[in-house]
Amino acid sequence: ALVRGDHAKAVRLWRPAAEEGNAEAQS
């Protein structure tokens, strides 16, 4: 999604993992 320029989708996909403590998603 990020490569396609769909940043909003990338953020939606990263957020749940980041909230669960995933360091890569948080970064």
PDB file of all heavy atoms in Angstrom:
ATOM      1  N   ALA A   1       0.841  -1.204   0.000  1.00  0.00           N
ATOM      2  CA  ALA A   1       0.000   0.000   0.000  1.00  0.00           C
ATOM      3  C   ALA A   1       0.873   1.249   0.000  1.00  0.00           C
ATOM      4  O   ALA A   1       0.600   2.210  -0.716  1.00  0.00           O
ATOM      5  CB  ALA A   1      -0.938  -0.007   1.204  1.00  0.00           C
ATOM      6  N   LEU A   2       1.925   1.225   0.794  1.00  0.00           N
ATOM      7  CA  LEU A   2       2.835   2.370   0.870  1.00  0.00           C
ATOM      8  C   LEU A   2       3.489   2.634  -0.478  1.00  0.00           C
ATOM      9  O   LEU A   2       3.552   3.781  -0.936  1.00  0.00           O
ATOM     10  CB  LEU A   2       3.891   2.124   1.945  1.00  0.00           C
ATOM     11  CG  LEU A   2       4.872   3.241   2.187  1.00  0.00           C
ATOM     12  CD1 LEU A   2       4.157   4.438   2.802  1.00  0.00           C
ATOM     13  CD2 LEU A   2       5.984   2.776   3.094  1.00  0.00           C
ATOM     14  N   VAL A   3       3.947   1.584  -1.132  1.00  0.00           N
ATOM     15  CA  VAL A   3       4.603   1.737  -2.434  1.00  0.00           C
ATOM     16  C   VAL A   3       3.618   2.282  -3.468  1.00  0.00           C
ATOM     17  O   VAL A   3       3.988   3.097  -4.309  1.00  0.00           O
ATOM     18  CB  VAL A   3       5.214   0.392  -2.889  1.00  0.00           C
ATOM     19  CG1 VAL A   3       5.686   0.455  -4.327  1.00  0.00           C
ATOM     20  CG2 VAL A   3       6.363   0.006  -1.957  1.00  0.00           C
ATOM     21  N   ARG A   4       2.352   1.862  -3.378  1.00  0.00           N
ATOM     22  CA  ARG A   4       1.324   2.379  -4.291  1.00  0.00           C
ATOM     23  C   ARG A   4       0.938   3.818  -3.973  1.00  0.00           C
ATOM     24  O   ARG A   4       0.214   4.452  -4.718  1.00  0.00           O
ATOM     25  CB  ARG A   4       0.059   1.519  -4.200  1.00  0.00           C
ATOM     26  CG  ARG A   4       0.116   0.193  -4.875  1.00  0.00           C
ATOM     27  CD  ARG A   4      -1.260  -0.457  -4.967  1.00  0.00           C
ATOM     28  NE  ARG A   4      -2.033  -0.404  -3.750  1.00  0.00           N
ATOM     29  CZ  ARG A   4      -2.025  -1.313  -2.773  1.00  0.00           C
ATOM     30  NH1 ARG A   4      -1.235  -2.359  -2.867  1.00  0.00           N
ATOM     31  NH2 ARG A   4      -2.792  -1.177  -1.713  1.00  0.00           N
ATOM     32  N   GLY A   5       1.388   4.305  -2.820  1.00  0.00           N
ATOM     33  CA  GLY A   5       1.032   5.658  -2.424  1.00  0.00           C
ATOM     34  C   GLY A   5      -0.221   5.716  -1.569  1.00  0.00           C
ATOM     35  O   GLY A   5      -0.714   6.796  -1.270  1.00  0.00           O
ATOM     36  N   ASP A   6      -0.739   4.561  -1.172  1.00  0.00           N
ATOM     37  CA  ASP A   6      -1.936   4.506  -0.336  1.00  0.00           C
ATOM     38  C   ASP A   6      -1.514   4.489   1.130  1.00  0.00           C
ATOM     39  O   ASP A   6      -1.594   3.478   1.823  1.00  0.00           O
ATOM     40  CB  ASP A   6      -2.772   3.273  -0.686  1.00  0.00           C
ATOM     41  CG  ASP A   6      -4.137   3.270  -0.031  1.00  0.00           C
ATOM     42  OD1 ASP A   6      -4.397   4.138   0.835  1.00  0.00           O
ATOM     43  OD2 ASP A   6      -4.949   2.389  -0.385  1.00  0.00           O
ATOM     44  N   HIS A   7      -1.054   5.635   1.597  1.00  0.00           N
ATOM     45  CA  HIS A   7      -0.546   5.745   2.965  1.00  0.00           C
ATOM     46  C   HIS A   7      -1.625   5.491   4.003  1.00  0.00           C
ATOM     47  O   HIS A   7      -1.351   4.926   5.058  1.00  0.00           O
ATOM     48  CB  HIS A   7       0.078   7.125   3.180  1.00  0.00           C
ATOM     49  CG  HIS A   7       1.242   7.377   2.287  1.00  0.00           C
ATOM     50  ND1 HIS A   7       2.523   7.077   2.639  1.00  0.00           N
ATOM     51  CD2 HIS A   7       1.314   7.895   1.030  1.00  0.00           C
ATOM     52  CE1 HIS A   7       3.346   7.396   1.659  1.00  0.00           C
ATOM     53  NE2 HIS A   7       2.632   7.893   0.669  1.00  0.00           N
ATOM     54  N   ALA A   8      -2.838   5.907   3.698  1.00  0.00           N
ATOM     55  CA  ALA A   8      -3.931   5.711   4.653  1.00  0.00           C
ATOM     56  C   ALA A   8      -4.155   4.223   4.920  1.00  0.00           C
ATOM     57  O   ALA A   8      -4.362   3.809   6.064  1.00  0.00           O
ATOM     58  CB  ALA A   8      -5.210   6.360   4.138  1.00  0.00           C
ATOM     59  N   LYS A   9      -4.091   3.403   3.871  1.00  0.00           N
ATOM     60  CA  LYS A   9      -4.257   1.957   4.060  1.00  0.00           C
ATOM     61  C   LYS A   9      -3.086   1.382   4.845  1.00  0.00           C
ATOM     62  O   LYS A   9      -3.282   0.534   5.720  1.00  0.00           O
ATOM     63  CB  LYS A   9      -4.388   1.241   2.718  1.00  0.00           C
ATOM     64  CG  LYS A   9      -4.617  -0.253   2.884  1.00  0.00           C
ATOM     65  CD  LYS A   9      -4.889  -0.947   1.583  1.00  0.00           C
ATOM     66  CE  LYS A   9      -5.178  -2.419   1.846  1.00  0.00           C
ATOM     67  NZ  LYS A   9      -5.509  -3.120   0.597  1.00  0.00           N
ATOM     68  N   ALA A  10      -1.870   1.826   4.546  1.00  0.00           N
ATOM     69  CA  ALA A  10      -0.708   1.340   5.291  1.00  0.00           C
ATOM     70  C   ALA A  10      -0.856   1.660   6.774  1.00  0.00           C
ATOM     71  O   ALA A  10      -0.605   0.803   7.627  1.00  0.00           O
ATOM     72  CB  ALA A  10       0.576   1.954   4.727  1.00  0.00           C
ATOM     73  N   VAL A  11      -1.291   2.865   7.084  1.00  0.00           N
ATOM     74  CA  VAL A  11      -1.495   3.257   8.483  1.00  0.00           C
ATOM     75  C   VAL A  11      -2.566   2.379   9.122  1.00  0.00           C
ATOM     76  O   VAL A  11      -2.396   1.899  10.247  1.00  0.00           O
ATOM     77  CB  VAL A  11      -1.854   4.756   8.591  1.00  0.00           C
ATOM     78  CG1 VAL A  11      -2.348   5.108   9.985  1.00  0.00           C
ATOM     79  CG2 VAL A  11      -0.642   5.607   8.218  1.00  0.00           C
ATOM     80  N   ARG A  12      -3.666   2.125   8.399  1.00  0.00           N
ATOM     81  CA  ARG A  12      -4.732   1.264   8.941  1.00  0.00           C
ATOM     82  C   ARG A  12      -4.220  -0.149   9.218  1.00  0.00           C
ATOM     83  O   ARG A  12      -4.647  -0.790  10.178  1.00  0.00           O
ATOM     84  CB  ARG A  12      -5.910   1.189   7.969  1.00  0.00           C
ATOM     85  CG  ARG A  12      -6.816   2.385   7.994  1.00  0.00           C
ATOM     86  CD  ARG A  12      -8.139   2.129   7.268  1.00  0.00           C
ATOM     87  NE  ARG A  12      -8.003   1.531   5.951  1.00  0.00           N
ATOM     88  CZ  ARG A  12      -7.848   2.203   4.813  1.00  0.00           C
ATOM     89  NH1 ARG A  12      -7.810   3.526   4.839  1.00  0.00           N
ATOM     90  NH2 ARG A  12      -7.755   1.574   3.663  1.00  0.00           N
ATOM     91  N   LEU A  13      -3.328  -0.650   8.378  1.00  0.00           N
ATOM     92  CA  LEU A  13      -2.803  -2.000   8.572  1.00  0.00           C
ATOM     93  C   LEU A  13      -1.756  -2.043   9.686  1.00  0.00           C
ATOM     94  O   LEU A  13      -1.665  -3.038  10.409  1.00  0.00           O
ATOM     95  CB  LEU A  13      -2.209  -2.528   7.261  1.00  0.00           C
ATOM     96  CG  LEU A  13      -3.237  -2.824   6.173  1.00  0.00           C
ATOM     97  CD1 LEU A  13      -2.545  -3.063   4.839  1.00  0.00           C
ATOM     98  CD2 LEU A  13      -4.090  -4.019   6.558  1.00  0.00           C
ATOM     99  N   TRP A  14      -0.945  -0.998   9.817  1.00  0.00           N
ATOM    100  CA  TRP A  14       0.091  -0.983  10.858  1.00  0.00           C
ATOM    101  C   TRP A  14      -0.467  -0.724  12.243  1.00  0.00           C
ATOM    102  O   TRP A  14       0.043  -1.249  13.226  1.00  0.00           O
ATOM    103  CB  TRP A  14       1.134   0.093  10.570  1.00  0.00           C
ATOM    104  CG  TRP A  14       2.140  -0.273   9.541  1.00  0.00           C
ATOM    105  CD1 TRP A  14       2.735  -1.490   9.360  1.00  0.00           C
ATOM    106  CD2 TRP A  14       2.692   0.586   8.551  1.00  0.00           C
ATOM    107  NE1 TRP A  14       3.608  -1.430   8.318  1.00  0.00           N
ATOM    108  CE2 TRP A  14       3.609  -0.171   7.804  1.00  0.00           C
ATOM    109  CE3 TRP A  14       2.496   1.925   8.243  1.00  0.00           C
ATOM    110  CZ2 TRP A  14       4.341   0.359   6.758  1.00  0.00           C
ATOM    111  CZ3 TRP A  14       3.225   2.461   7.198  1.00  0.00           C
ATOM    112  CH2 TRP A  14       4.135   1.683   6.464  1.00  0.00           C
ATOM    113  N   ARG A  15      -1.504   0.088  12.339  1.00  0.00           N
ATOM    114  CA  ARG A  15      -1.987   0.528  13.652  1.00  0.00           C
ATOM    115  C   ARG A  15      -2.322  -0.630  14.602  1.00  0.00           C
ATOM    116  O   ARG A  15      -1.880  -0.616  15.747  1.00  0.00           O
ATOM    117  CB  ARG A  15      -3.164   1.483  13.518  1.00  0.00           C
ATOM    118  CG  ARG A  15      -3.569   2.084  14.867  1.00  0.00           C
ATOM    119  CD  ARG A  15      -4.608   3.176  14.743  1.00  0.00           C
ATOM    120  NE  ARG A  15      -4.242   4.230  13.818  1.00  0.00           N
ATOM    121  CZ  ARG A  15      -3.412   5.244  14.087  1.00  0.00           C
ATOM    122  NH1 ARG A  15      -2.865   5.337  15.276  1.00  0.00           N
ATOM    123  NH2 ARG A  15      -3.143   6.164  13.187  1.00  0.00           N
ATOM    124  N   PRO A  16      -3.093  -1.649  14.197  1.00  0.00           N
ATOM    125  CA  PRO A  16      -3.403  -2.721  15.160  1.00  0.00           C
ATOM    126  C   PRO A  16      -2.150  -3.429  15.682  1.00  0.00           C
ATOM    127  O   PRO A  16      -2.038  -3.711  16.876  1.00  0.00           O
ATOM    128  CB  PRO A  16      -4.283  -3.683  14.362  1.00  0.00           C
ATOM    129  CG  PRO A  16      -4.845  -2.870  13.250  1.00  0.00           C
ATOM    130  CD  PRO A  16      -3.803  -1.832  12.933  1.00  0.00           C
ATOM    131  N   ALA A  17      -1.191  -3.680  14.792  1.00  0.00           N
ATOM    132  CA  ALA A  17       0.046  -4.334  15.227  1.00  0.00           C
ATOM    133  C   ALA A  17       0.834  -3.416  16.151  1.00  0.00           C
ATOM    134  O   ALA A  17       1.400  -3.872  17.155  1.00  0.00           O
ATOM    135  CB  ALA A  17       0.894  -4.719  14.013  1.00  0.00           C
ATOM    136  N   ALA A  18       0.865  -2.131  15.840  1.00  0.00           N
ATOM    137  CA  ALA A  18       1.581  -1.168  16.680  1.00  0.00           C
ATOM    138  C   ALA A  18       0.951  -1.098  18.063  1.00  0.00           C
ATOM    139  O   ALA A  18       1.656  -1.060  19.076  1.00  0.00           O
ATOM    140  CB  ALA A  18       1.588   0.206  16.019  1.00  0.00           C
ATOM    141  N   GLU A  19      -0.377  -1.100  18.103  1.00  0.00           N
ATOM    142  CA  GLU A  19      -1.073  -1.044  19.392  1.00  0.00           C
ATOM    143  C   GLU A  19      -0.858  -2.307  20.214  1.00  0.00           C
ATOM    144  O   GLU A  19      -0.925  -2.283  21.438  1.00  0.00           O
ATOM    145  CB  GLU A  19      -2.562  -0.790  19.165  1.00  0.00           C
ATOM    146  CG  GLU A  19      -2.831   0.628  18.682  1.00  0.00           C
ATOM    147  CD  GLU A  19      -4.265   0.875  18.259  1.00  0.00           C
ATOM    148  OE1 GLU A  19      -5.049  -0.103  18.129  1.00  0.00           O
ATOM    149  OE2 GLU A  19      -4.600   2.056  18.045  1.00  0.00           O
ATOM    150  N   GLU A  20      -0.553  -3.436  19.545  1.00  0.00           N
ATOM    151  CA  GLU A  20      -0.258  -4.695  20.235  1.00  0.00           C
ATOM    152  C   GLU A  20       1.198  -4.777  20.671  1.00  0.00           C
ATOM    153  O   GLU A  20       1.607  -5.748  21.290  1.00  0.00           O
ATOM    154  CB  GLU A  20      -0.586  -5.883  19.335  1.00  0.00           C
ATOM    155  CG  GLU A  20      -2.065  -6.075  19.101  1.00  0.00           C
ATOM    156  CD  GLU A  20      -2.355  -7.212  18.143  1.00  0.00           C
ATOM    157  OE1 GLU A  20      -1.422  -7.963  17.790  1.00  0.00           O
ATOM    158  OE2 GLU A  20      -3.511  -7.344  17.733  1.00  0.00           O
ATOM    159  N   GLY A  21       1.997  -3.772  20.318  1.00  0.00           N
ATOM    160  CA  GLY A  21       3.384  -3.731  20.760  1.00  0.00           C
ATOM    161  C   GLY A  21       4.408  -4.117  19.721  1.00  0.00           C
ATOM    162  O   GLY A  21       5.585  -4.305  20.041  1.00  0.00           O
ATOM    163  N   ASN A  22       4.013  -4.229  18.456  1.00  0.00           N
ATOM    164  CA  ASN A  22       4.946  -4.580  17.395  1.00  0.00           C
ATOM    165  C   ASN A  22       5.873  -3.400  17.120  1.00  0.00           C
ATOM    166  O   ASN A  22       5.433  -2.345  16.658  1.00  0.00           O
ATOM    167  CB  ASN A  22       4.156  -4.968  16.135  1.00  0.00           C
ATOM    168  CG  ASN A  22       5.053  -5.332  14.986  1.00  0.00           C
ATOM    169  OD1 ASN A  22       5.797  -4.492  14.500  1.00  0.00           O
ATOM    170  ND2 ASN A  22       4.976  -6.566  14.559  1.00  0.00           N
ATOM    171  N   ALA A  23       7.168  -3.587  17.406  1.00  0.00           N
ATOM    172  CA  ALA A  23       8.139  -2.496  17.272  1.00  0.00           C
ATOM    173  C   ALA A  23       8.282  -2.027  15.831  1.00  0.00           C
ATOM    174  O   ALA A  23       8.446  -0.830  15.582  1.00  0.00           O
ATOM    175  CB  ALA A  23       9.497  -2.933  17.818  1.00  0.00           C
ATOM    176  N   GLU A  24       8.236  -2.945  14.876  1.00  0.00           N
ATOM    177  CA  GLU A  24       8.382  -2.554  13.480  1.00  0.00           C
ATOM    178  C   GLU A  24       7.199  -1.696  13.025  1.00  0.00           C
ATOM    179  O   GLU A  24       7.379  -0.699  12.335  1.00  0.00           O
ATOM    180  CB  GLU A  24       8.513  -3.790  12.582  1.00  0.00           C
ATOM    181  CG  GLU A  24       9.836  -4.509  12.736  1.00  0.00           C
ATOM    182  CD  GLU A  24       9.863  -5.480  13.906  1.00  0.00           C
ATOM    183  OE1 GLU A  24       8.781  -5.784  14.475  1.00  0.00           O
ATOM    184  OE2 GLU A  24      10.948  -5.937  14.269  1.00  0.00           O
ATOM    185  N   ALA A  25       5.996  -2.103  13.427  1.00  0.00           N
ATOM    186  CA  ALA A  25       4.816  -1.314  13.061  1.00  0.00           C
ATOM    187  C   ALA A  25       4.844   0.042  13.754  1.00  0.00           C
ATOM    188  O   ALA A  25       4.485   1.062  13.156  1.00  0.00           O
ATOM    189  CB  ALA A  25       3.537  -2.082  13.429  1.00  0.00           C
ATOM    190  N   GLN A  26       5.289   0.069  15.007  1.00  0.00           N
ATOM    191  CA  GLN A  26       5.402   1.339  15.735  1.00  0.00           C
ATOM    192  C   GLN A  26       6.377   2.265  15.028  1.00  0.00           C
ATOM    193  O   GLN A  26       6.109   3.454  14.838  1.00  0.00           O
ATOM    194  CB  GLN A  26       5.844   1.090  17.173  1.00  0.00           C
ATOM    195  CG  GLN A  26       4.799   0.397  18.008  1.00  0.00           C
ATOM    196  CD  GLN A  26       5.357  -0.123  19.314  1.00  0.00           C
ATOM    197  OE1 GLN A  26       6.568  -0.302  19.485  1.00  0.00           O
ATOM    198  NE2 GLN A  26       4.463  -0.396  20.264  1.00  0.00           N
ATOM    199  N   SER A  27       7.511   1.721  14.631  1.00  0.00           N
ATOM    200  CA  SER A  27       8.519   2.522  13.936  1.00  0.00           C
ATOM    201  C   SER A  27       7.994   3.028  12.594  1.00  0.00           C
ATOM    202  O   SER A  27       8.226   4.181  12.221  1.00  0.00           O
ATOM    203  CB  SER A  27       9.786   1.682  13.734  1.00  0.00           C
ATOM    204  OG  SER A  27      10.775   2.432  13.083  1.00  0.00           O
TER     205      SER A  27
END
